[in-house]
Amino acid sequence: MSNIKLLKAGTLSDGTQRFQSQLYVGKDTADFVMGTDGIMKCYDNGEKGFNFYPYNKPYEIVSSKNDMVRQVL
């Protein structure tokens, strides 16, 4: 199983880092976030409905969109 690749999409004023797992044309979206506690979370439908839930699978933070071109989703 290969790691999902995440590209940093920005940082919020409270220090939360935003990451995207897919490239979207013309906009930055974040389906992953990491709070100041260092826990990576993924946007998903869980026990509280759609929300960010802890992500426990392997991931890799990449530094450019070129690194995102090919990945298994």
C-alpha atoms as a PDB file:
ATOM      1  CA  MET A   1       0.000   0.000   0.000  1.00  0.00           C
ATOM      2  CA  SER A   2       1.455   3.342  -0.998  1.00  0.00           C
ATOM      3  CA  ASN A   3       1.199   6.541   0.992  1.00  0.00           C
ATOM      4  CA  ILE A   4      -1.365   9.135  -0.002  1.00  0.00           C
ATOM      5  CA  LYS A   5       0.339  12.336  -1.123  1.00  0.00           C
ATOM      6  CA  LEU A   6      -0.728  15.596   0.511  1.00  0.00           C
ATOM      7  CA  LEU A   7       0.150  19.089  -0.701  1.00  0.00           C
ATOM      8  CA  LYS A   8       0.067  21.950   1.794  1.00  0.00           C
ATOM      9  CA  ALA A   9      -2.688  24.400   0.816  1.00  0.00           C
ATOM     10  CA  GLY A  10      -2.058  26.995   3.528  1.00  0.00           C
ATOM     11  CA  THR A  11      -2.173  27.731   7.234  1.00  0.00           C
ATOM     12  CA  LEU A  12      -5.061  29.264   9.170  1.00  0.00           C
ATOM     13  CA  SER A  13      -4.596  32.054  11.712  1.00  0.00           C
ATOM     14  CA  ASP A  14      -4.876  29.551  14.598  1.00  0.00           C
ATOM     15  CA  GLY A  15      -1.936  27.498  13.231  1.00  0.00           C
ATOM     16  CA  THR A  16      -4.028  24.745  11.605  1.00  0.00           C
ATOM     17  CA  GLN A  17      -2.305  23.520   8.449  1.00  0.00           C
ATOM     18  CA  ARG A  18      -4.486  22.724   5.437  1.00  0.00           C
ATOM     19  CA  PHE A  19      -3.613  19.948   2.959  1.00  0.00           C
ATOM     20  CA  GLN A  20      -5.164  18.670  -0.258  1.00  0.00           C
ATOM     21  CA  SER A  21      -5.027  15.130  -1.591  1.00  0.00           C
ATOM     22  CA  GLN A  22      -6.255  16.040  -5.079  1.00  0.00           C
ATOM     23  CA  LEU A  23      -5.492  18.925  -7.371  1.00  0.00           C
ATOM     24  CA  TYR A  24      -8.406  21.143  -8.327  1.00  0.00           C
ATOM     25  CA  VAL A  25      -8.177  23.671 -11.145  1.00  0.00           C
ATOM     26  CA  GLY A  26      -8.427  27.276 -10.014  1.00  0.00           C
ATOM     27  CA  LYS A  27      -8.982  26.782  -6.287  1.00  0.00           C
ATOM     28  CA  ASP A  28      -7.317  25.485  -3.156  1.00  0.00           C
ATOM     29  CA  THR A  29      -9.332  22.946  -1.244  1.00  0.00           C
ATOM     30  CA  ALA A  30      -8.418  21.095   1.914  1.00  0.00           C
ATOM     31  CA  ASP A  31      -9.661  17.607   2.646  1.00  0.00           C
ATOM     32  CA  PHE A  32      -6.946  17.096   5.286  1.00  0.00           C
ATOM     33  CA  VAL A  33      -5.965  19.345   8.203  1.00  0.00           C
ATOM     34  CA  MET A  34      -3.344  19.164  10.939  1.00  0.00           C
ATOM     35  CA  GLY A  35      -3.939  21.165  14.089  1.00  0.00           C
ATOM     36  CA  THR A  36      -1.291  22.447  16.439  1.00  0.00           C
ATOM     37  CA  ASP A  37      -1.588  19.089  18.260  1.00  0.00           C
ATOM     38  CA  GLY A  38       0.114  17.421  15.247  1.00  0.00           C
ATOM     39  CA  ILE A  39      -2.794  15.048  14.493  1.00  0.00           C
ATOM     40  CA  MET A  40      -3.633  14.670  10.785  1.00  0.00           C
ATOM     41  CA  LYS A  41      -7.374  14.604  10.132  1.00  0.00           C
ATOM     42  CA  CYS A  42      -9.356  13.801   6.994  1.00  0.00           C
ATOM     43  CA  TYR A  43     -12.751  15.202   5.957  1.00  0.00           C
ATOM     44  CA  ASP A  44     -15.179  12.281   6.012  1.00  0.00           C
ATOM     45  CA  ASN A  45     -18.693  11.231   6.965  1.00  0.00           C
ATOM     46  CA  GLY A  46     -18.469   9.686  10.445  1.00  0.00           C
ATOM     47  CA  GLU A  47     -20.350   9.498  13.721  1.00  0.00           C
ATOM     48  CA  LYS A  48     -20.777  13.297  13.860  1.00  0.00           C
ATOM     49  CA  GLY A  49     -21.713  13.594  10.168  1.00  0.00           C
ATOM     50  CA  PHE A  50     -19.329  15.281   7.765  1.00  0.00           C
ATOM     51  CA  ASN A  51     -16.362  16.520   9.764  1.00  0.00           C
ATOM     52  CA  PHE A  52     -12.585  16.094  10.106  1.00  0.00           C
ATOM     53  CA  TYR A  53     -11.658  12.764  11.716  1.00  0.00           C
ATOM     54  CA  PRO A  54      -8.215  11.434  12.739  1.00  0.00           C
ATOM     55  CA  TYR A  55      -6.371   9.824   9.805  1.00  0.00           C
ATOM     56  CA  ASN A  56      -4.266   6.823  10.793  1.00  0.00           C
ATOM     57  CA  LYS A  57      -3.098   5.548   7.406  1.00  0.00           C
ATOM     58  CA  PRO A  58       0.310   6.329   5.864  1.00  0.00           C
ATOM     59  CA  TYR A  59       0.697   9.707   4.164  1.00  0.00           C
ATOM     60  CA  GLU A  60       3.451  11.749   2.591  1.00  0.00           C
ATOM     61  CA  ILE A  61       3.593  15.552   2.548  1.00  0.00           C
ATOM     62  CA  VAL A  62       4.966  16.699  -0.808  1.00  0.00           C
ATOM     63  CA  SER A  63       6.351  20.099  -1.711  1.00  0.00           C
ATOM     64  CA  SER A  64       4.983  20.727  -5.206  1.00  0.00           C
ATOM     65  CA  LYS A  65       2.067  20.032  -7.514  1.00  0.00           C
ATOM     66  CA  ASN A  66       4.424  18.054  -9.756  1.00  0.00           C
ATOM     67  CA  ASP A  67       4.843  15.546  -6.915  1.00  0.00           C
ATOM     68  CA  MET A  68       1.056  15.077  -6.917  1.00  0.00           C
ATOM     69  CA  VAL A  69       0.694  14.195 -10.615  1.00  0.00           C
ATOM     70  CA  ARG A  70       0.576  10.446 -10.133  1.00  0.00           C
ATOM     71  CA  GLN A  71      -0.672   8.739  -7.037  1.00  0.00           C
ATOM     72  CA  VAL A  72      -2.969   5.884  -6.110  1.00  0.00           C
ATOM     73  CA  LEU A  73      -6.235   7.111  -4.571  1.00  0.00           C
END
